[in-house]
C-alpha atoms as a PDB file:
ATOM      1  CA  TYR A   1      31.127  63.559  83.859  1.00  0.00           C
ATOM      2  CA  MET A   2      30.209  61.878  80.936  1.00  0.00           C
ATOM      3  CA  ALA A   3      27.235  62.426  78.497  1.00  0.00           C
ATOM      4  CA  LYS A   4      24.787  60.108  78.092  1.00  0.00           C
ATOM      5  CA  PRO A   5      24.613  57.748  75.893  1.00  0.00           C
ATOM      6  CA  TYR A   6      28.127  56.196  76.643  1.00  0.00           C
ATOM      7  CA  SER A   7      29.464  52.884  76.246  1.00  0.00           C
ATOM      8  CA  PRO A   8      30.571  50.584  78.811  1.00  0.00           C
ATOM      9  CA  ARG A   9      33.750  50.314  77.155  1.00  0.00           C
ATOM     10  CA  GLU A  10      34.518  54.019  77.503  1.00  0.00           C
ATOM     11  CA  LEU A  11      33.202  53.912  81.274  1.00  0.00           C
ATOM     12  CA  LEU A  12      35.874  51.496  82.327  1.00  0.00           C
ATOM     13  CA  ALA A  13      38.514  53.019  80.508  1.00  0.00           C
ATOM     14  CA  ARG A  14      37.827  56.324  82.283  1.00  0.00           C
ATOM     15  CA  ILE A  15      37.584  54.123  85.811  1.00  0.00           C
ATOM     16  CA  LYS A  16      40.981  53.052  85.018  1.00  0.00           C
ATOM     17  CA  ALA A  17      42.646  56.017  83.958  1.00  0.00           C
ATOM     18  CA  ILE A  18      41.406  57.890  86.942  1.00  0.00           C
ATOM     19  CA  LEU A  19      42.747  55.064  89.133  1.00  0.00           C
ATOM     20  CA  ARG A  20      45.877  54.906  87.763  1.00  0.00           C
ATOM     21  CA  ARG A  21      46.288  58.815  87.967  1.00  0.00           C
ATOM     22  CA  SER A  22      45.402  58.147  91.712  1.00  0.00           C
ATOM     23  CA  GLY A  23      47.411  55.640  92.093  1.00  0.00           C
ATOM     24  CA  ALA A  24      44.476  53.606  93.875  1.00  0.00           C
ATOM     25  CA  ASP A  25      45.092  50.645  91.480  1.00  0.00           C
ATOM     26  CA  THR A  26      48.629  49.816  92.418  1.00  0.00           C
ATOM     27  CA  ALA A  27      48.617  50.443  95.929  1.00  0.00           C
ATOM     28  CA  ALA A  28      48.360  46.911  97.038  1.00  0.00           C
ATOM     29  CA  ALA A  29      50.131  45.390  93.481  1.00  0.00           C
ATOM     30  CA  ALA A  30      53.784  45.450  93.148  1.00  0.00           C
ATOM     31  CA  ARG A  31      54.976  48.482  90.904  1.00  0.00           C
ATOM     32  CA  TYR A  32      58.019  46.305  89.095  1.00  0.00           C
ATOM     33  CA  LEU A  33      57.662  43.237  87.112  1.00  0.00           C
ATOM     34  CA  ARG A  34      61.255  41.941  86.138  1.00  0.00           C
ATOM     35  CA  PHE A  35      61.990  39.583  83.404  1.00  0.00           C
ATOM     36  CA  ASP A  36      64.982  38.511  81.299  1.00  0.00           C
ATOM     37  CA  GLY A  37      67.106  41.458  82.531  1.00  0.00           C
ATOM     38  CA  PHE A  38      64.174  44.153  81.751  1.00  0.00           C
ATOM     39  CA  THR A  39      62.000  46.011  84.455  1.00  0.00           C
ATOM     40  CA  LEU A  40      58.787  47.049  83.762  1.00  0.00           C
ATOM     41  CA  ASP A  41      57.474  49.992  85.884  1.00  0.00           C
ATOM     42  CA  LEU A  42      53.600  49.802  85.917  1.00  0.00           C
ATOM     43  CA  VAL A  43      53.463  53.348  87.776  1.00  0.00           C
ATOM     44  CA  GLU A  44      55.514  55.111  85.051  1.00  0.00           C
ATOM     45  CA  ARG A  45      54.659  52.912  82.374  1.00  0.00           C
ATOM     46  CA  THR A  46      58.362  52.314  81.194  1.00  0.00           C
ATOM     47  CA  VAL A  47      60.595  49.248  80.324  1.00  0.00           C
ATOM     48  CA  VAL A  48      64.156  49.386  81.234  1.00  0.00           C
ATOM     49  CA  ASP A  49      66.611  47.012  79.726  1.00  0.00           C
ATOM     50  CA  ALA A  50      69.605  45.391  81.854  1.00  0.00           C
ATOM     51  CA  GLN A  51      71.811  48.329  80.855  1.00  0.00           C
ATOM     52  CA  GLY A  52      69.366  50.930  82.389  1.00  0.00           C
ATOM     53  CA  ALA A  53      68.437  52.173  78.886  1.00  0.00           C
ATOM     54  CA  GLU A  54      64.721  52.635  78.555  1.00  0.00           C
ATOM     55  CA  VAL A  55      63.084  50.767  75.686  1.00  0.00           C
ATOM     56  CA  ALA A  56      61.100  53.201  73.562  1.00  0.00           C
ATOM     57  CA  LEU A  57      57.320  51.415  73.524  1.00  0.00           C
ATOM     58  CA  THR A  58      54.059  53.069  72.180  1.00  0.00           C
ATOM     59  CA  GLY A  59      50.943  52.725  74.742  1.00  0.00           C
ATOM     60  CA  LEU A  60      49.816  49.590  72.617  1.00  0.00           C
ATOM     61  CA  ASP A  61      53.189  47.652  72.980  1.00  0.00           C
ATOM     62  CA  PHE A  62      52.947  48.507  76.738  1.00  0.00           C
ATOM     63  CA  GLN A  63      49.563  47.198  77.129  1.00  0.00           C
ATOM     64  CA  LEU A  64      50.596  44.129  75.223  1.00  0.00           C
ATOM     65  CA  LEU A  65      53.641  43.263  76.997  1.00  0.00           C
ATOM     66  CA  LYS A  66      52.296  43.947  80.437  1.00  0.00           C
ATOM     67  CA  TYR A  67      49.096  41.706  79.761  1.00  0.00           C
ATOM     68  CA  PHE A  68      51.896  39.010  78.612  1.00  0.00           C
ATOM     69  CA  VAL A  69      54.231  39.664  81.680  1.00  0.00           C
ATOM     70  CA  GLU A  70      51.099  39.464  84.224  1.00  0.00           C
ATOM     71  CA  HIS A  71      50.512  36.034  82.450  1.00  0.00           C
ATOM     72  CA  PRO A  72      53.644  34.235  82.230  1.00  0.00           C
ATOM     73  CA  GLY A  73      53.522  30.744  81.147  1.00  0.00           C
ATOM     74  CA  LYS A  74      50.099  30.717  79.839  1.00  0.00           C
ATOM     75  CA  VAL A  75      48.723  30.270  76.126  1.00  0.00           C
ATOM     76  CA  LEU A  76      47.151  33.643  75.352  1.00  0.00           C
ATOM     77  CA  ASP A  77      44.845  33.141  72.387  1.00  0.00           C
ATOM     78  CA  ARG A  78      44.468  36.027  69.573  1.00  0.00           C
ATOM     79  CA  ASP A  79      41.057  37.277  70.858  1.00  0.00           C
ATOM     80  CA  ALA A  80      42.311  37.750  74.412  1.00  0.00           C
ATOM     81  CA  LEU A  81      45.214  39.488  73.495  1.00  0.00           C
ATOM     82  CA  SER A  82      43.250  41.771  71.191  1.00  0.00           C
ATOM     83  CA  GLU A  83      40.300  42.218  73.653  1.00  0.00           C
ATOM     84  CA  GLN A  84      42.852  43.189  76.316  1.00  0.00           C
ATOM     85  CA  THR A  85      44.877  45.522  74.089  1.00  0.00           C
ATOM     86  CA  ARG A  86      42.282  47.129  71.717  1.00  0.00           C
ATOM     87  CA  GLY A  87      39.046  46.199  73.315  1.00  0.00           C
ATOM     88  CA  ARG A  88      37.634  44.018  70.375  1.00  0.00           C
ATOM     89  CA  GLU A  89      38.152  40.917  69.244  1.00  0.00           C
ATOM     90  CA  SER A  90      40.020  40.351  65.979  1.00  0.00           C
ATOM     91  CA  GLY A  91      38.369  39.167  62.762  1.00  0.00           C
ATOM     92  CA  PRO A  92      39.820  35.922  61.045  1.00  0.00           C
ATOM     93  CA  PHE A  93      41.898  38.000  58.811  1.00  0.00           C
ATOM     94  CA  ASP A  94      43.035  40.565  60.848  1.00  0.00           C
ATOM     95  CA  ARG A  95      46.688  40.553  61.262  1.00  0.00           C
ATOM     96  CA  SER A  96      47.231  43.686  63.321  1.00  0.00           C
ATOM     97  CA  LEU A  97      47.839  41.788  66.179  1.00  0.00           C
ATOM     98  CA  ASP A  98      50.440  39.664  64.787  1.00  0.00           C
ATOM     99  CA  VAL A  99      52.508  42.844  63.261  1.00  0.00           C
ATOM    100  CA  GLN A 100      52.152  44.368  66.923  1.00  0.00           C
ATOM    101  CA  ILE A 101      53.636  41.132  68.199  1.00  0.00           C
ATOM    102  CA  SER A 102      56.347  41.156  65.876  1.00  0.00           C
ATOM    103  CA  ARG A 103      57.057  44.773  66.608  1.00  0.00           C
ATOM    104  CA  LEU A 104      56.991  44.423  70.223  1.00  0.00           C
ATOM    105  CA  ARG A 105      59.759  41.169  69.700  1.00  0.00           C
ATOM    106  CA  MET A 106      62.041  43.498  67.932  1.00  0.00           C
ATOM    107  CA  ARG A 107      61.798  46.159  70.366  1.00  0.00           C
ATOM    108  CA  LEU A 108      62.671  43.828  73.134  1.00  0.00           C
ATOM    109  CA  GLY A 109      65.511  42.345  70.790  1.00  0.00           C
ATOM    110  CA  ASP A 110      63.567  39.179  70.749  1.00  0.00           C
ATOM    111  CA  ASP A 111      64.416  37.338  67.702  1.00  0.00           C
ATOM    112  CA  GLY A 112      61.197  36.076  65.603  1.00  0.00           C
ATOM    113  CA  LYS A 113      62.616  33.075  64.291  1.00  0.00           C
ATOM    114  CA  GLN A 114      64.013  31.889  67.659  1.00  0.00           C
ATOM    115  CA  PRO A 115      62.063  33.787  70.299  1.00  0.00           C
ATOM    116  CA  ARG A 116      62.938  33.578  74.040  1.00  0.00           C
ATOM    117  CA  LEU A 117      60.368  35.670  75.233  1.00  0.00           C
ATOM    118  CA  ILE A 118      57.056  35.738  73.427  1.00  0.00           C
ATOM    119  CA  LYS A 119      56.622  32.250  71.733  1.00  0.00           C
ATOM    120  CA  THR A 120      53.948  31.370  69.221  1.00  0.00           C
ATOM    121  CA  VAL A 121      52.072  28.548  69.863  1.00  0.00           C
ATOM    122  CA  ARG A 122      50.557  27.096  66.582  1.00  0.00           C
ATOM    123  CA  GLY A 123      46.969  27.188  66.377  1.00  0.00           C
ATOM    124  CA  ALA A 124      46.661  28.306  70.089  1.00  0.00           C
ATOM    125  CA  GLY A 125      48.255  31.608  70.331  1.00  0.00           C
ATOM    126  CA  TYR A 126      51.201  33.139  72.364  1.00  0.00           C
ATOM    127  CA  VAL A 127      53.233  32.559  75.331  1.00  0.00           C
ATOM    128  CA  PHE A 128      55.323  34.505  77.465  1.00  0.00           C
ATOM    129  CA  ALA A 129      58.099  32.094  78.291  1.00  0.00           C
ATOM    130  CA  ALA A 130      60.142  34.452  80.626  1.00  0.00           C
ATOM    131  CA  GLU A 131      60.338  33.955  84.627  1.00  0.00           C
ATOM    132  CA  VAL A 132      58.633  37.165  86.023  1.00  0.00           C
ATOM    133  CA  THR A 133      59.392  38.301  89.376  1.00  0.00           C
ATOM    134  CA  ALA A 134      57.423  41.030  91.003  1.00  0.00           C
ATOM    135  CA  SER A 135      58.821  44.214  93.424  1.00  0.00           C
ATOM    136  CA  HIS A 136      57.548  47.294  95.231  1.00  0.00           C
ATOM    137  CA  ALA A 137      61.071  48.832  95.173  1.00  0.00           C
END
């Protein structure tokens, strides 16, 4: 139940949450996405490294990483990333996305000076450079 008036963004978020809880959105899709020794579990919303240790991520970190992993090799501009993770476009002086990517790199052990996973494309955005494989088990 939602009381009027409501924003379309709130409606979409509630629908996604219900589908995620019911498992309907992952029935046909792969559950695990693997990249560079990491395993991203889309159902449990966790990331495990090559040694089997869980990587501590915030909800925003997970959303950002999931979007990168779902679009490997594509240059993603700041507005698209901000829209997917925050539901809004970033302003011209908004550096919060850059800080979030920096924190995500740190949590994944990706060096900001010589990144191997999330690379900066000057003037265009960011690209996820690792090869991604999907599986159900």
